[in-house]
């Protein structure tokens, strides 16, 4: 009964939230995107058994799929870092009620396990099961395979929650999933005689044949990860609610070289300290750096992204990812203390300029990471400079428009007990535009006038808007000041 009541509270909280109406567009956009990918997966699932049987005629298709099941789970795990957040646990309102905290945490973990995200891959698995398993084992084999895969996704879900929570606390825990998945794949590729992939093939066969030993093993792993998550979440929730932090002597960096810039220098100092001291902002910034470094290395030293579209996408992604991950929440962080910023008329304009200069200076990081790709002749220096100035010009000009419309406070330190921070429709739309418009323009100009002339035109556009940043920042400032009381009211209601 308690779980149904908590579920009802969650629905009411979402409906009563100030961003409910704006998030409808974001949900429709998300559902459309997911629907397109599910159609792709459906067709892959229909034709995959035929392809596998043609390629390896002596082996049943589902045996081949089960051999690569661990690779499939590894893909699912790492995609969760892009699309799945730690379940937000709004536990604070229930602290004073006579409800055990462990029951509340158990509810949030159960809700995470029953999430529809764990059924996303069924768009591929259902047609695969009926075309590749049904003729061998009938409906019982199909149902056993699908239920077993759902159990494996539950394991992935709780394993992801465990790793993601630990990584948010200490970056060194990133090696935990890397060692597990990387170790398995390395053994499989370097020592094929070990036949380590036979484990997943046998596991899948056990699910299809309803072997009780495999089901007991599956339930044991799920229960173990659930129990570990329960204890860990309880620890970190208490740590956030009680504001527990170990006192350590730290050297305070004053960044005195910024004093020459006056008020703008003070706001640049604030930007640096936000990313170094506040947990939520620091985690967001750190994740952007990790994704940037990973894709840069893949682009530079592998042939995976050698196709024209993917090469351009990775380039713009490397330059834009930090800006998109931080500037998409522009003024949301300042919503925690906006009342003080409004006290002086020129402070908001100086804040916007400081944010622009700081994020533009950060573009030197992806530019340096692109040097190996330039030396390996994967991309040209002109391409790198084009996307650098397209980011500092048109992309930042679009992202900074959100300063006028963002009116939801973003938490500085709470990650486990904070409010839901899903983006608004404006954020979703501008994020999509920021990534794909430069690629479309690049393809169009290169098709019209060739790669060199096309990218030179884009470079000129980027440099022009970069030099004109004072003009469009002042325009954003004036529009923000007209809406400041509306935004301040929304910021207060979402703190």
Protein backbone atom coordinates (compact mmCIF):
# COMPACT_ATOMS: atom_id res chain seq x y z
CA UNK A 1 0.00 0.00 0.00
CA UNK A 2 2.86 2.36 0.82
CA UNK A 3 4.42 1.84 -2.60
CA UNK A 4 1.20 2.75 -4.45
CA UNK A 5 0.83 5.87 -2.31
CA UNK A 6 4.42 6.94 -3.01
CA UNK A 7 3.86 6.33 -6.72
CA UNK A 8 0.77 8.56 -6.60
CA UNK A 9 2.81 11.27 -4.88
CA UNK A 10 5.41 11.10 -7.62
CA UNK A 11 2.78 11.59 -10.33
CA UNK A 12 1.19 14.52 -8.48
CA UNK A 13 4.60 16.14 -7.92
CA UNK A 14 5.37 15.94 -11.65
CA UNK A 15 1.97 17.42 -12.61
CA UNK A 16 2.23 20.26 -10.11
CA UNK A 17 5.79 21.17 -11.04
CA UNK A 18 6.18 24.60 -12.74
CA UNK A 19 7.96 22.97 -15.70
CA UNK A 20 5.22 20.38 -16.38
CA UNK A 21 3.68 22.19 -19.36
CA UNK A 22 7.07 22.99 -20.93
CA UNK A 23 8.30 19.43 -20.54
CA UNK A 24 5.41 18.05 -22.61
CA UNK A 25 7.20 19.04 -25.79
CA UNK A 26 10.42 17.45 -24.54
CA UNK A 27 8.56 14.21 -23.81
CA UNK A 28 6.94 14.15 -27.26
CA UNK A 29 10.35 14.78 -28.88
CA UNK A 30 11.89 12.00 -26.76
CA UNK A 31 9.10 9.53 -27.56
CA UNK A 32 9.48 10.27 -31.28
CA UNK A 33 13.25 9.71 -31.13
CA UNK A 34 12.84 6.46 -29.16
CA UNK A 35 10.11 5.28 -31.54
CA UNK A 36 12.37 5.74 -34.58
CA UNK A 37 15.15 3.73 -32.97
CA UNK A 38 12.73 0.99 -31.91
CA UNK A 39 11.64 0.64 -35.54
CA UNK A 40 15.30 0.22 -36.54
CA UNK A 41 15.80 -2.40 -33.83
CA UNK A 42 12.63 -4.20 -34.94
CA UNK A 43 13.95 -4.63 -38.47
CA UNK A 44 17.36 -5.73 -37.18
CA UNK A 45 15.70 -8.34 -34.98
CA UNK A 46 13.65 -9.65 -37.90
CA UNK A 47 16.60 -10.13 -40.25
CA UNK A 48 19.42 -10.94 -37.81
CA UNK A 49 18.61 -14.69 -37.45
CA UNK A 50 18.63 -15.11 -41.24
CA UNK A 51 21.97 -13.30 -41.54
CA UNK A 52 23.52 -15.38 -38.75
CA UNK A 53 22.22 -18.64 -40.19
CA UNK A 54 23.55 -17.76 -43.65
CA UNK A 55 26.96 -16.78 -42.27
CA UNK A 56 27.27 -19.78 -39.90
CA UNK A 57 24.96 -22.47 -41.31
CA UNK A 58 26.00 -25.15 -38.82
CA UNK A 59 24.99 -23.26 -35.66
CA UNK A 60 21.54 -22.17 -34.48
CA UNK A 61 21.18 -18.36 -34.68
CA UNK A 62 20.25 -17.97 -31.02
CA UNK A 63 23.45 -19.77 -29.98
CA UNK A 64 25.51 -17.21 -31.91
CA UNK A 65 23.55 -14.36 -30.36
CA UNK A 66 24.02 -15.79 -26.86
CA UNK A 67 27.77 -16.04 -27.45
CA UNK A 68 27.87 -12.28 -27.98
CA UNK A 69 25.38 -11.55 -25.20
CA UNK A 70 28.04 -10.03 -22.94
CA UNK A 71 29.00 -7.52 -25.67
CA UNK A 72 25.32 -6.64 -25.94
CA UNK A 73 25.09 -6.08 -22.18
CA UNK A 74 28.29 -3.98 -22.26
CA UNK A 75 26.73 -1.76 -24.94
CA UNK A 76 23.56 -1.43 -22.85
CA UNK A 77 25.58 -0.53 -19.75
CA UNK A 78 27.61 2.25 -21.37
CA UNK A 79 24.56 3.68 -23.17
CA UNK A 80 22.96 4.12 -19.76
CA UNK A 81 25.59 6.77 -18.99
CA UNK A 82 24.16 8.80 -21.88
CA UNK A 83 20.43 8.26 -21.36
CA UNK A 84 19.78 7.12 -17.80
CA UNK A 85 20.29 9.18 -14.66
CA UNK A 86 20.48 8.02 -11.07
CA UNK A 87 16.84 7.77 -9.88
CA UNK A 88 16.09 11.06 -8.16
CA UNK A 89 14.99 10.36 -4.61
CA UNK A 90 12.87 13.17 -3.20
CA UNK A 91 13.13 11.77 0.28
CA UNK A 92 13.24 15.04 2.21
CA UNK A 93 9.44 15.58 2.45
CA UNK A 94 9.04 12.16 4.13
CA UNK A 95 11.77 12.52 6.77
CA UNK A 96 9.36 13.74 9.48
CA UNK A 97 6.77 11.06 8.75
CA UNK A 98 6.74 7.73 10.62
CA UNK A 99 8.11 5.88 7.59
CA UNK A 100 11.32 3.88 7.65
CA UNK A 101 13.95 5.43 5.43
CA UNK A 102 14.91 2.00 4.13
CA UNK A 103 11.37 1.48 2.82
CA UNK A 104 11.55 4.75 0.91
CA UNK A 105 14.88 3.83 -0.67
CA UNK A 106 13.54 0.37 -1.51
CA UNK A 107 10.63 2.01 -3.36
CA UNK A 108 12.97 4.12 -5.51
CA UNK A 109 15.10 1.08 -6.36
CA UNK A 110 12.02 -0.97 -7.31
CA UNK A 111 10.79 1.92 -9.47
CA UNK A 112 14.18 1.96 -11.22
CA UNK A 113 14.00 -1.79 -11.85
CA UNK A 114 10.50 -1.48 -13.34
CA UNK A 115 11.54 1.41 -15.59
CA UNK A 116 10.53 1.09 -19.24
CA UNK A 117 14.17 1.71 -20.19
CA UNK A 118 14.89 -1.91 -19.18
CA UNK A 119 12.47 -3.00 -21.92
CA UNK A 120 13.94 -0.82 -24.68
CA UNK A 121 16.01 -3.62 -26.26
CA UNK A 122 12.94 -5.87 -26.44
CA UNK A 123 12.19 -4.16 -29.76
CA UNK A 124 15.14 -6.21 -31.07
CA UNK A 125 14.81 -9.28 -28.82
CA UNK A 126 11.12 -10.08 -29.45
CA UNK A 127 11.38 -10.46 -33.26
CA UNK A 128 14.74 -12.19 -32.78
CA UNK A 129 13.18 -14.71 -30.39
CA UNK A 130 10.17 -15.50 -32.59
CA UNK A 131 12.21 -15.84 -35.80
CA UNK A 132 15.23 -17.61 -34.29
CA UNK A 133 13.99 -19.58 -31.26
CA UNK A 134 10.30 -20.36 -31.77
CA UNK A 135 10.82 -23.09 -34.38
CA UNK A 136 13.30 -24.88 -32.08
CA UNK A 137 11.73 -24.55 -28.62
CA UNK A 138 8.25 -23.11 -29.10
CA UNK A 139 6.58 -20.45 -26.99
CA UNK A 140 8.09 -21.75 -23.72
CA UNK A 141 11.60 -21.25 -25.08
CA UNK A 142 10.73 -17.76 -26.35
CA UNK A 143 9.22 -16.74 -23.00
CA UNK A 144 12.21 -18.17 -21.08
CA UNK A 145 14.66 -16.29 -23.30
CA UNK A 146 12.81 -12.98 -22.98
CA UNK A 147 12.30 -13.22 -19.22
CA UNK A 148 15.94 -14.22 -18.78
CA UNK A 149 17.09 -11.22 -20.84
CA UNK A 150 14.87 -8.95 -18.76
CA UNK A 151 16.60 -10.33 -15.66
CA UNK A 152 20.00 -9.55 -17.21
CA UNK A 153 18.86 -5.99 -17.91
CA UNK A 154 17.80 -5.71 -14.26
CA UNK A 155 21.32 -6.78 -13.28
CA UNK A 156 22.72 -4.16 -15.66
CA UNK A 157 20.37 -1.56 -14.17
CA UNK A 158 21.43 -2.12 -10.56
CA UNK A 159 25.07 -2.56 -11.55
CA UNK A 160 24.88 0.77 -13.38
CA UNK A 161 23.32 2.49 -10.33
CA UNK A 162 26.10 1.12 -8.16
CA UNK A 163 28.88 2.23 -10.52
CA UNK A 164 27.34 5.62 -11.35
CA UNK A 165 26.89 6.53 -7.67
CA UNK A 166 30.46 5.54 -6.86
CA UNK A 167 31.86 7.37 -9.89
CA UNK A 168 30.02 10.54 -8.86
CA UNK A 169 31.80 10.33 -5.51
CA UNK A 170 35.25 9.30 -6.74
CA UNK A 171 36.39 9.34 -10.36
CA UNK A 172 38.73 6.40 -9.70
CA UNK A 173 35.69 4.10 -9.55
CA UNK A 174 35.45 4.55 -13.32
CA UNK A 175 37.99 1.73 -13.52
CA UNK A 176 35.49 -0.67 -11.92
CA UNK A 177 33.20 -1.18 -14.97
CA UNK A 178 36.19 -0.70 -17.28
CA UNK A 179 37.99 -3.65 -15.68
CA UNK A 180 34.89 -5.86 -15.72
CA UNK A 181 33.85 -5.29 -19.33
CA UNK A 182 37.31 -4.56 -20.69
CA UNK A 183 38.75 -7.64 -18.98
CA UNK A 184 36.07 -9.92 -20.40
CA UNK A 185 36.44 -8.55 -23.93
CA UNK A 186 40.25 -8.66 -23.75
CA UNK A 187 40.24 -12.32 -22.67
CA UNK A 188 37.75 -13.20 -25.40
CA UNK A 189 39.75 -11.45 -28.16
CA UNK A 190 43.31 -12.25 -27.03
CA UNK A 191 42.71 -15.81 -25.84
CA UNK A 192 40.02 -17.33 -28.06
CA UNK A 193 40.93 -20.81 -26.83
CA UNK A 194 39.57 -19.87 -23.39
CA UNK A 195 36.02 -19.94 -24.85
CA UNK A 196 34.83 -17.49 -22.24
CA UNK A 197 31.85 -16.61 -24.44
CA UNK A 198 30.53 -20.14 -23.90
CA UNK A 199 29.39 -18.98 -20.46
CA UNK A 200 26.81 -16.57 -21.91
CA UNK A 201 25.81 -19.16 -24.54
CA UNK A 202 25.18 -21.72 -21.80
CA UNK A 203 23.37 -19.11 -19.71
CA UNK A 204 21.04 -18.24 -22.59
CA UNK A 205 20.43 -21.93 -23.28
CA UNK A 206 19.55 -22.44 -19.61
CA UNK A 207 16.95 -19.67 -19.78
CA UNK A 208 15.42 -21.14 -22.94
CA UNK A 209 15.22 -24.63 -21.40
CA UNK A 210 14.01 -23.25 -18.03
CA UNK A 211 16.91 -24.82 -16.13
CA UNK A 212 16.24 -23.97 -12.43
CA UNK A 213 19.96 -23.58 -11.60
CA UNK A 214 20.34 -20.68 -14.00
CA UNK A 215 17.21 -18.98 -12.68
CA UNK A 216 18.44 -19.33 -9.10
CA UNK A 217 21.78 -17.82 -10.18
CA UNK A 218 19.98 -14.93 -11.91
CA UNK A 219 17.74 -14.18 -8.92
CA UNK A 220 20.71 -14.37 -6.55
CA UNK A 221 22.70 -11.77 -8.53
CA UNK A 222 19.67 -9.44 -8.76
CA UNK A 223 19.00 -9.74 -5.01
CA UNK A 224 22.68 -9.20 -4.18
CA UNK A 225 22.97 -6.03 -6.29
CA UNK A 226 19.65 -4.76 -4.92
CA UNK A 227 20.88 -5.23 -1.34
CA UNK A 228 24.23 -3.55 -2.05
CA UNK A 229 22.47 -0.59 -3.70
CA UNK A 230 20.08 -0.34 -0.76
CA UNK A 231 22.92 -0.01 1.74
CA UNK A 232 24.96 2.31 -0.45
CA UNK A 233 22.05 4.63 -1.27
CA UNK A 234 21.15 4.79 2.41
CA UNK A 235 24.72 5.83 3.23
CA UNK A 236 24.91 8.58 0.62
CA UNK A 237 21.40 9.87 1.33
CA UNK A 238 22.31 10.27 5.00
CA UNK A 239 25.55 11.94 3.97
CA UNK A 240 23.71 14.52 1.82
CA UNK A 241 20.86 15.15 4.26
CA UNK A 242 23.16 15.50 7.27
CA UNK A 243 25.71 17.51 5.24
CA UNK A 244 28.41 15.13 6.40
CA UNK A 245 31.82 16.01 5.03
CA UNK A 246 35.26 15.26 6.33
CA UNK A 247 37.17 18.43 7.12
CA UNK A 248 40.41 18.61 5.19
CA UNK A 249 42.98 21.35 4.97
CA UNK A 250 43.02 22.69 1.45
CA UNK A 251 45.12 25.23 -0.32
CA UNK A 252 42.81 28.01 -1.47
CA UNK A 253 43.54 29.25 -4.97
CA UNK A 254 42.71 32.93 -5.30
CA UNK A 255 43.40 33.28 -9.05
CA UNK A 256 44.74 36.79 -8.51
CA UNK A 257 45.61 37.13 -12.19
CA UNK A 258 41.86 37.62 -12.80
CA UNK A 259 41.80 40.81 -10.72
CA UNK A 260 42.85 42.86 -13.75
CA UNK A 261 39.51 42.02 -15.42
CA UNK A 262 37.45 43.65 -12.65
CA UNK A 263 33.87 42.43 -12.29
CA UNK A 264 34.18 40.05 -15.23
CA UNK A 265 37.26 38.53 -13.60
CA UNK A 266 35.28 37.96 -10.39
CA UNK A 267 32.61 36.06 -12.31
CA UNK A 268 35.25 33.99 -14.14
CA UNK A 269 36.65 33.12 -10.70
CA UNK A 270 33.12 32.09 -9.69
CA UNK A 271 32.83 29.85 -12.76
CA UNK A 272 36.09 28.11 -11.87
CA UNK A 273 35.07 27.58 -8.25
CA UNK A 274 31.62 26.29 -9.22
CA UNK A 275 33.26 23.52 -11.24
CA UNK A 276 35.87 22.70 -8.63
CA UNK A 277 33.85 22.88 -5.39
CA UNK A 278 30.21 22.01 -6.09
CA UNK A 279 29.57 18.31 -6.55
CA UNK A 280 26.72 18.39 -9.10
CA UNK A 281 28.39 20.99 -11.33
CA UNK A 282 31.78 19.30 -10.99
CA UNK A 283 30.35 15.90 -11.96
CA UNK A 284 28.65 17.36 -15.02
CA UNK A 285 31.84 19.11 -16.12
CA UNK A 286 33.98 16.02 -15.49
CA UNK A 287 31.65 13.76 -17.50
CA UNK A 288 31.93 16.14 -20.45
CA UNK A 289 35.74 15.94 -20.29
CA UNK A 290 35.62 12.12 -20.17
CA UNK A 291 33.34 11.85 -23.20
CA UNK A 292 35.46 14.39 -25.08
CA UNK A 293 38.70 12.52 -24.39
CA UNK A 294 37.20 9.11 -25.25
CA UNK A 295 35.76 10.12 -28.62
CA UNK A 296 38.89 12.10 -29.51
CA UNK A 297 41.07 9.04 -28.97
CA UNK A 298 38.69 6.83 -30.96
CA UNK A 299 38.67 9.34 -33.82
CA UNK A 300 42.46 9.67 -33.78
CA UNK A 301 43.57 6.06 -33.43
CA UNK A 302 40.80 3.88 -34.90
CA UNK A 303 38.84 3.61 -38.14
CA UNK A 304 35.38 3.37 -36.53
CA UNK A 305 34.45 6.97 -37.33
CA UNK A 306 36.18 7.35 -40.70
CA UNK A 307 32.90 7.93 -42.55
CA UNK A 308 32.17 11.53 -43.48
CA UNK A 309 29.09 12.06 -41.31
CA UNK A 310 30.49 10.39 -38.17
CA UNK A 311 33.82 12.19 -38.53
CA UNK A 312 32.06 15.57 -38.62
CA UNK A 313 29.73 14.57 -35.78
CA UNK A 314 32.62 13.57 -33.50
CA UNK A 315 34.45 16.82 -34.30
CA UNK A 316 31.49 19.03 -33.42
CA UNK A 317 30.71 16.82 -30.43
CA UNK A 318 34.22 17.29 -29.03
CA UNK A 319 34.03 21.06 -29.31
CA UNK A 320 30.41 21.45 -28.21
CA UNK A 321 29.99 18.84 -25.46
CA UNK A 322 31.32 20.98 -22.59
CA UNK A 323 29.27 23.96 -23.70
CA UNK A 324 26.12 21.92 -24.20
CA UNK A 325 26.41 20.13 -20.85
CA UNK A 326 26.97 23.36 -18.89
CA UNK A 327 25.40 26.18 -20.89
CA UNK A 328 22.17 24.28 -21.44
CA UNK A 329 21.63 25.01 -17.72
CA UNK A 330 22.77 28.62 -17.99
CA UNK A 331 21.23 30.71 -15.18
CA UNK A 332 19.80 27.51 -13.62
CA UNK A 333 22.82 27.30 -11.31
CA UNK A 334 22.61 31.04 -10.62
CA UNK A 335 18.96 30.47 -9.69
CA UNK A 336 20.24 29.41 -6.26
CA UNK A 337 21.42 32.97 -5.56
CA UNK A 338 19.87 35.10 -8.33
CA UNK A 339 18.27 37.53 -5.86
CA UNK A 340 21.73 38.79 -4.93
CA UNK A 341 22.86 39.08 -8.54
CA UNK A 342 19.86 41.25 -9.45
CA UNK A 343 20.87 43.83 -6.82
CA UNK A 344 23.16 45.57 -9.33
CA UNK A 345 22.07 46.43 -12.84
CA UNK A 346 25.29 45.57 -14.69
CA UNK A 347 26.08 42.35 -12.84
CA UNK A 348 24.05 40.04 -15.12
CA UNK A 349 25.71 41.38 -18.28
CA UNK A 350 29.14 40.92 -16.70
CA UNK A 351 28.11 37.40 -15.68
CA UNK A 352 27.09 36.53 -19.25
CA UNK A 353 30.37 37.90 -20.61
CA UNK A 354 32.37 35.95 -18.03
CA UNK A 355 30.55 32.74 -18.93
CA UNK A 356 31.24 33.33 -22.60
CA UNK A 357 34.95 34.07 -22.12
CA UNK A 358 35.39 31.11 -19.79
CA UNK A 359 33.66 28.60 -22.08
CA UNK A 360 35.47 29.98 -25.11
CA UNK A 361 38.82 29.54 -23.34
CA UNK A 362 37.88 25.90 -22.63
CA UNK A 363 37.75 25.24 -26.39
CA UNK A 364 41.53 25.00 -26.35
CA UNK A 365 41.12 21.54 -24.73
CA UNK A 366 39.26 19.89 -27.67
CA UNK A 367 41.51 21.71 -30.12
CA UNK A 368 44.58 20.12 -28.49
CA UNK A 369 42.84 16.72 -28.43
CA UNK A 370 42.26 17.02 -32.18
CA UNK A 371 46.02 17.36 -32.90
CA UNK A 372 46.59 13.55 -33.06
CA UNK A 373 43.71 13.24 -35.53
CA UNK A 374 45.24 16.04 -37.63
CA UNK A 375 48.66 14.38 -37.57
CA UNK A 376 47.10 11.04 -38.58
CA UNK A 377 45.30 12.85 -41.42
CA UNK A 378 41.87 11.90 -40.11
CA UNK A 379 40.80 15.56 -40.20
CA UNK A 380 42.43 18.77 -41.45
CA UNK A 381 43.53 21.81 -39.48
CA UNK A 382 40.88 23.81 -41.36
CA UNK A 383 38.15 21.41 -40.15
CA UNK A 384 39.31 21.75 -36.54
CA UNK A 385 39.41 25.56 -36.70
CA UNK A 386 36.02 25.64 -38.44
CA UNK A 387 34.28 23.70 -35.67
CA UNK A 388 36.14 25.67 -32.98
CA UNK A 389 34.78 28.99 -34.24
CA UNK A 390 31.38 27.49 -35.12
CA UNK A 391 31.17 26.54 -31.44
CA UNK A 392 32.35 29.90 -30.07
CA UNK A 393 30.12 31.74 -32.55
CA UNK A 394 26.77 30.28 -33.71
CA UNK A 395 26.53 27.46 -31.14
CA UNK A 396 27.22 29.60 -28.10
CA UNK A 397 24.94 32.31 -29.50
CA UNK A 398 22.13 29.70 -29.54
CA UNK A 399 22.94 28.21 -26.14
CA UNK A 400 23.10 31.62 -24.48
CA UNK A 401 19.53 32.30 -25.62
CA UNK A 402 18.48 29.86 -22.88
CA UNK A 403 19.55 32.47 -20.30
CA UNK A 404 16.31 34.29 -21.10
CA UNK A 405 14.01 31.26 -20.75
CA UNK A 406 15.68 28.97 -18.17
CA UNK A 407 13.80 29.42 -14.90
CA UNK A 408 14.43 26.25 -12.93
CA UNK A 409 17.04 26.05 -10.19
CA UNK A 410 19.79 23.48 -10.75
CA UNK A 411 21.15 21.90 -7.51
CA UNK A 412 24.77 22.65 -6.66
CA UNK A 413 25.64 19.67 -4.49
CA UNK A 414 22.70 17.25 -4.17
CA UNK A 415 22.76 14.30 -6.56
CA UNK A 416 20.99 11.51 -4.68
CA UNK A 417 18.26 13.44 -2.88
CA UNK A 418 17.76 16.38 -5.26
CA UNK A 419 14.78 17.21 -7.39
CA UNK A 420 14.25 15.90 -10.88
CA UNK A 421 16.41 17.97 -13.25
CA UNK A 422 15.00 16.90 -16.62
CA UNK A 423 15.42 19.56 -19.28
CA UNK A 424 12.74 21.81 -20.69
CA UNK A 425 11.53 21.81 -24.28
CA UNK A 426 13.80 24.77 -25.12
CA UNK A 427 16.83 22.93 -23.76
CA UNK A 428 16.04 19.75 -25.69
CA UNK A 429 15.43 21.61 -28.94
CA UNK A 430 18.54 23.81 -28.75
CA UNK A 431 20.73 20.85 -27.72
CA UNK A 432 19.62 18.93 -30.82
CA UNK A 433 20.16 21.99 -33.04
CA UNK A 434 23.60 22.64 -31.53
CA UNK A 435 24.86 19.22 -32.56
CA UNK A 436 23.27 18.77 -35.98
CA UNK A 437 22.95 22.20 -37.61
CA UNK A 438 26.76 22.67 -38.02
CA UNK A 439 27.01 19.22 -39.65
CA UNK A 440 24.15 19.96 -42.04
CA UNK A 441 25.64 23.35 -42.94
CA UNK A 442 29.06 21.78 -43.45
CA UNK A 443 27.63 19.09 -45.74
CA UNK A 444 25.60 21.64 -47.70
CA UNK A 445 28.47 24.12 -48.24
CA UNK A 446 30.95 21.35 -49.06
CA UNK A 447 28.48 19.90 -51.57
CA UNK A 448 27.96 23.32 -53.16
CA UNK A 449 31.54 24.62 -53.31
CA UNK A 450 33.86 21.82 -52.21
CA UNK A 451 35.35 21.04 -48.82
CA UNK A 452 37.95 23.83 -48.66
CA UNK A 453 35.68 26.69 -49.80
CA UNK A 454 32.69 25.35 -47.83
CA UNK A 455 34.61 25.12 -44.56
CA UNK A 456 36.19 28.52 -45.20
CA UNK A 457 32.69 30.03 -45.43
CA UNK A 458 31.70 28.35 -42.17
CA UNK A 459 34.93 29.54 -40.54
CA UNK A 460 34.15 33.11 -41.63
CA UNK A 461 30.62 32.87 -40.16
CA UNK A 462 32.03 31.52 -36.91
CA UNK A 463 34.68 34.22 -36.58
CA UNK A 464 32.13 36.95 -37.38
CA UNK A 465 29.68 35.83 -34.66
CA UNK A 466 32.55 35.32 -32.23
CA UNK A 467 33.74 38.90 -32.74
CA UNK A 468 30.13 40.13 -32.48
CA UNK A 469 29.58 38.47 -29.07
CA UNK A 470 29.17 41.85 -27.30
CA UNK A 471 26.19 42.67 -29.51
CA UNK A 472 24.24 39.43 -29.03
CA UNK A 473 25.11 39.20 -25.32
CA UNK A 474 23.67 42.68 -24.76
CA UNK A 475 20.52 41.63 -26.64
CA UNK A 476 20.18 38.56 -24.39
CA UNK A 477 20.77 40.74 -21.31
CA UNK A 478 18.00 43.19 -22.26
CA UNK A 479 15.50 40.39 -22.88
CA UNK A 480 16.48 38.69 -19.63
CA UNK A 481 15.90 41.89 -17.63
CA UNK A 482 12.38 42.17 -19.06
CA UNK A 483 11.60 38.66 -17.74
CA UNK A 484 13.64 38.85 -14.54
CA UNK A 485 10.70 38.88 -12.10
CA UNK A 486 8.99 35.95 -13.84
CA UNK A 487 12.21 33.97 -13.79
CA UNK A 488 12.99 34.87 -10.17
CA UNK A 489 9.57 33.63 -9.08
CA UNK A 490 10.13 30.29 -10.86
CA UNK A 491 13.66 29.99 -9.47
CA UNK A 492 12.35 30.41 -5.92
CA UNK A 493 9.59 27.82 -6.44
CA UNK A 494 12.04 25.18 -7.70
CA UNK A 495 14.80 25.56 -5.10
